[in-house]
């Protein structure tokens, strides 16, 4: 588990390692958030949800994934500081992410990530 951490991927050959709160070379993190020119990609065995406002908690993430899961995370859908979350395949890890800066203004992508791990 780690507190809010700001991470920048300089280009699409890097991804966000959600479990460790770092930026890593593509295809090296087991639980990742990758990016294309206009969207994020996450592991097929993980679940995601986009919040309707600027707040999101682990419980809200769980509820959102159970009721309104998403399969795409387009940058345009994440404007206005709308957080999204990803739940790991085993259900123990949740990452809550805010998009800070996307390729419309530069090649790099910057996010803020909070990681939670269920111990029970």
C-alpha atoms as a PDB file:
ATOM      1  CA  UNK A   1       0.000   0.000   0.000  1.00  0.00           C
ATOM      2  CA  UNK A   2       1.205   3.503  -0.747  1.00  0.00           C
ATOM      3  CA  UNK A   3      -0.177   6.998  -0.407  1.00  0.00           C
ATOM      4  CA  UNK A   4      -0.921   9.325  -3.284  1.00  0.00           C
ATOM      5  CA  UNK A   5       2.019   9.186  -5.659  1.00  0.00           C
ATOM      6  CA  UNK A   6       2.494  11.232  -8.824  1.00  0.00           C
ATOM      7  CA  UNK A   7       3.992   9.235 -11.694  1.00  0.00           C
ATOM      8  CA  UNK A   8       4.961  10.223 -15.250  1.00  0.00           C
ATOM      9  CA  UNK A   9       5.326   7.848 -18.171  1.00  0.00           C
ATOM     10  CA  UNK A  10       7.606   9.599 -20.696  1.00  0.00           C
ATOM     11  CA  UNK A  11       6.203   7.642 -23.660  1.00  0.00           C
ATOM     12  CA  UNK A  12       4.144   4.517 -24.451  1.00  0.00           C
ATOM     13  CA  UNK A  13       7.153   2.244 -23.926  1.00  0.00           C
ATOM     14  CA  UNK A  14       6.687   2.770 -20.163  1.00  0.00           C
ATOM     15  CA  UNK A  15       3.786   1.728 -17.967  1.00  0.00           C
ATOM     16  CA  UNK A  16       2.670   2.395 -14.423  1.00  0.00           C
ATOM     17  CA  UNK A  17       3.429  -0.457 -12.007  1.00  0.00           C
ATOM     18  CA  UNK A  18       0.311  -0.206  -9.839  1.00  0.00           C
ATOM     19  CA  UNK A  19       1.450  -2.613  -7.151  1.00  0.00           C
ATOM     20  CA  UNK A  20       4.772  -0.832  -6.518  1.00  0.00           C
ATOM     21  CA  UNK A  21       3.907   2.783  -7.381  1.00  0.00           C
ATOM     22  CA  UNK A  22       6.629   3.163  -9.992  1.00  0.00           C
ATOM     23  CA  UNK A  23       7.104   3.688 -13.715  1.00  0.00           C
ATOM     24  CA  UNK A  24       8.511   0.598 -15.422  1.00  0.00           C
ATOM     25  CA  UNK A  25       9.500  -0.479 -18.926  1.00  0.00           C
ATOM     26  CA  UNK A  26       6.574  -1.895 -20.890  1.00  0.00           C
ATOM     27  CA  UNK A  27       5.623  -5.517 -20.121  1.00  0.00           C
ATOM     28  CA  UNK A  28       7.659  -5.722 -16.900  1.00  0.00           C
ATOM     29  CA  UNK A  29       4.980  -5.054 -14.253  1.00  0.00           C
ATOM     30  CA  UNK A  30       2.591  -7.849 -13.268  1.00  0.00           C
ATOM     31  CA  UNK A  31      -0.229  -5.416 -12.424  1.00  0.00           C
ATOM     32  CA  UNK A  32       0.031  -2.387 -14.669  1.00  0.00           C
ATOM     33  CA  UNK A  33      -1.626   0.598 -16.256  1.00  0.00           C
ATOM     34  CA  UNK A  34      -0.301   1.061 -19.783  1.00  0.00           C
ATOM     35  CA  UNK A  35      -1.145   3.835 -22.215  1.00  0.00           C
ATOM     36  CA  UNK A  36      -1.731   4.469 -25.868  1.00  0.00           C
ATOM     37  CA  UNK A  37      -2.064   7.841 -27.589  1.00  0.00           C
ATOM     38  CA  UNK A  38      -5.607   8.355 -26.261  1.00  0.00           C
ATOM     39  CA  UNK A  39      -6.374   5.773 -23.557  1.00  0.00           C
ATOM     40  CA  UNK A  40      -5.138   3.629 -20.709  1.00  0.00           C
ATOM     41  CA  UNK A  41      -4.953  -0.161 -20.902  1.00  0.00           C
ATOM     42  CA  UNK A  42      -5.075  -2.526 -17.938  1.00  0.00           C
ATOM     43  CA  UNK A  43      -4.778  -6.316 -17.546  1.00  0.00           C
ATOM     44  CA  UNK A  44      -7.668  -8.332 -18.994  1.00  0.00           C
ATOM     45  CA  UNK A  45      -8.165 -10.083 -15.665  1.00  0.00           C
ATOM     46  CA  UNK A  46      -8.568  -6.787 -13.751  1.00  0.00           C
ATOM     47  CA  UNK A  47     -11.723  -4.680 -13.421  1.00  0.00           C
ATOM     48  CA  UNK A  48     -12.165  -0.904 -13.762  1.00  0.00           C
ATOM     49  CA  UNK A  49     -14.648   1.827 -12.952  1.00  0.00           C
ATOM     50  CA  UNK A  50     -14.808   5.573 -13.715  1.00  0.00           C
ATOM     51  CA  UNK A  51     -16.308   7.795 -11.006  1.00  0.00           C
ATOM     52  CA  UNK A  52     -18.918  10.441 -11.778  1.00  0.00           C
ATOM     53  CA  UNK A  53     -17.348  13.126  -9.599  1.00  0.00           C
ATOM     54  CA  UNK A  54     -13.908  13.976  -8.238  1.00  0.00           C
ATOM     55  CA  UNK A  55     -13.985  11.634  -5.229  1.00  0.00           C
ATOM     56  CA  UNK A  56     -13.524   7.876  -5.054  1.00  0.00           C
ATOM     57  CA  UNK A  57     -12.831   5.548  -2.142  1.00  0.00           C
ATOM     58  CA  UNK A  58     -11.946   1.839  -2.140  1.00  0.00           C
ATOM     59  CA  UNK A  59     -15.543   1.043  -1.148  1.00  0.00           C
ATOM     60  CA  UNK A  60     -16.889   3.266  -3.922  1.00  0.00           C
ATOM     61  CA  UNK A  61     -14.562   1.518  -6.330  1.00  0.00           C
ATOM     62  CA  UNK A  62     -15.891  -1.903  -5.329  1.00  0.00           C
ATOM     63  CA  UNK A  63     -19.502  -0.726  -5.682  1.00  0.00           C
ATOM     64  CA  UNK A  64     -18.798   0.904  -9.043  1.00  0.00           C
ATOM     65  CA  UNK A  65     -17.042  -2.138 -10.450  1.00  0.00           C
ATOM     66  CA  UNK A  66     -19.886  -4.368  -9.308  1.00  0.00           C
ATOM     67  CA  UNK A  67     -22.581  -2.133 -10.814  1.00  0.00           C
ATOM     68  CA  UNK A  68     -20.952  -0.222 -13.706  1.00  0.00           C
ATOM     69  CA  UNK A  69     -17.633  -1.766 -14.787  1.00  0.00           C
ATOM     70  CA  UNK A  70     -15.826  -0.316 -17.795  1.00  0.00           C
ATOM     71  CA  UNK A  71     -13.563  -1.967 -20.322  1.00  0.00           C
ATOM     72  CA  UNK A  72     -12.063   1.214 -21.785  1.00  0.00           C
ATOM     73  CA  UNK A  73     -10.362   4.156 -20.123  1.00  0.00           C
ATOM     74  CA  UNK A  74     -10.202   6.876 -22.789  1.00  0.00           C
ATOM     75  CA  UNK A  75      -8.442  10.084 -21.777  1.00  0.00           C
ATOM     76  CA  UNK A  76     -11.447  12.139 -22.966  1.00  0.00           C
ATOM     77  CA  UNK A  77     -13.666  10.317 -20.437  1.00  0.00           C
ATOM     78  CA  UNK A  78     -11.278  11.186 -17.596  1.00  0.00           C
ATOM     79  CA  UNK A  79     -11.255  14.963 -18.001  1.00  0.00           C
ATOM     80  CA  UNK A  80     -12.199  17.303 -15.184  1.00  0.00           C
ATOM     81  CA  UNK A  81     -10.287  15.271 -12.616  1.00  0.00           C
ATOM     82  CA  UNK A  82     -12.642  12.252 -12.749  1.00  0.00           C
ATOM     83  CA  UNK A  83     -10.875   9.446 -10.900  1.00  0.00           C
ATOM     84  CA  UNK A  84     -11.002   5.850 -11.979  1.00  0.00           C
ATOM     85  CA  UNK A  85     -10.006   2.675 -10.239  1.00  0.00           C
ATOM     86  CA  UNK A  86      -8.666  -0.730 -11.090  1.00  0.00           C
ATOM     87  CA  UNK A  87      -9.143  -3.874  -9.011  1.00  0.00           C
ATOM     88  CA  UNK A  88      -6.645  -6.719  -9.347  1.00  0.00           C
ATOM     89  CA  UNK A  89      -7.721 -10.189 -10.469  1.00  0.00           C
ATOM     90  CA  UNK A  90      -7.436 -11.595  -6.944  1.00  0.00           C
ATOM     91  CA  UNK A  91      -9.537  -8.716  -5.561  1.00  0.00           C
ATOM     92  CA  UNK A  92      -6.931  -7.768  -2.961  1.00  0.00           C
ATOM     93  CA  UNK A  93      -5.449  -4.699  -4.654  1.00  0.00           C
ATOM     94  CA  UNK A  94      -7.210  -1.493  -5.676  1.00  0.00           C
ATOM     95  CA  UNK A  95      -5.561   1.470  -7.363  1.00  0.00           C
ATOM     96  CA  UNK A  96      -7.374   4.787  -7.520  1.00  0.00           C
ATOM     97  CA  UNK A  97      -5.999   6.956 -10.310  1.00  0.00           C
ATOM     98  CA  UNK A  98      -6.420  10.578 -11.428  1.00  0.00           C
ATOM     99  CA  UNK A  99      -5.223  11.620 -14.881  1.00  0.00           C
ATOM    100  CA  UNK A 100      -3.208  14.800 -14.456  1.00  0.00           C
ATOM    101  CA  UNK A 101      -1.749  15.360 -17.926  1.00  0.00           C
ATOM    102  CA  UNK A 102      -2.292  13.499 -21.217  1.00  0.00           C
ATOM    103  CA  UNK A 103      -0.701  13.559 -24.680  1.00  0.00           C
ATOM    104  CA  UNK A 104      -2.895  16.398 -25.899  1.00  0.00           C
ATOM    105  CA  UNK A 105      -0.358  18.702 -24.253  1.00  0.00           C
ATOM    106  CA  UNK A 106       2.779  16.535 -24.354  1.00  0.00           C
ATOM    107  CA  UNK A 107       4.060  13.052 -25.137  1.00  0.00           C
ATOM    108  CA  UNK A 108       4.294  12.144 -21.473  1.00  0.00           C
ATOM    109  CA  UNK A 109       1.327  11.098 -19.337  1.00  0.00           C
ATOM    110  CA  UNK A 110       1.152  11.973 -15.654  1.00  0.00           C
ATOM    111  CA  UNK A 111      -1.167  10.355 -13.120  1.00  0.00           C
ATOM    112  CA  UNK A 112      -1.700  10.413  -9.396  1.00  0.00           C
ATOM    113  CA  UNK A 113      -2.166   6.939  -7.871  1.00  0.00           C
ATOM    114  CA  UNK A 114      -3.266   5.664  -4.459  1.00  0.00           C
ATOM    115  CA  UNK A 115      -2.877   1.949  -3.765  1.00  0.00           C
ATOM    116  CA  UNK A 116      -4.873  -0.094  -1.263  1.00  0.00           C
ATOM    117  CA  UNK A 117      -4.343  -3.752  -0.331  1.00  0.00           C
ATOM    118  CA  UNK A 118      -6.916  -5.839   1.457  1.00  0.00           C
ATOM    119  CA  UNK A 119      -5.211  -7.926   4.129  1.00  0.00           C
ATOM    120  CA  UNK A 120      -8.134 -10.198   5.021  1.00  0.00           C
END
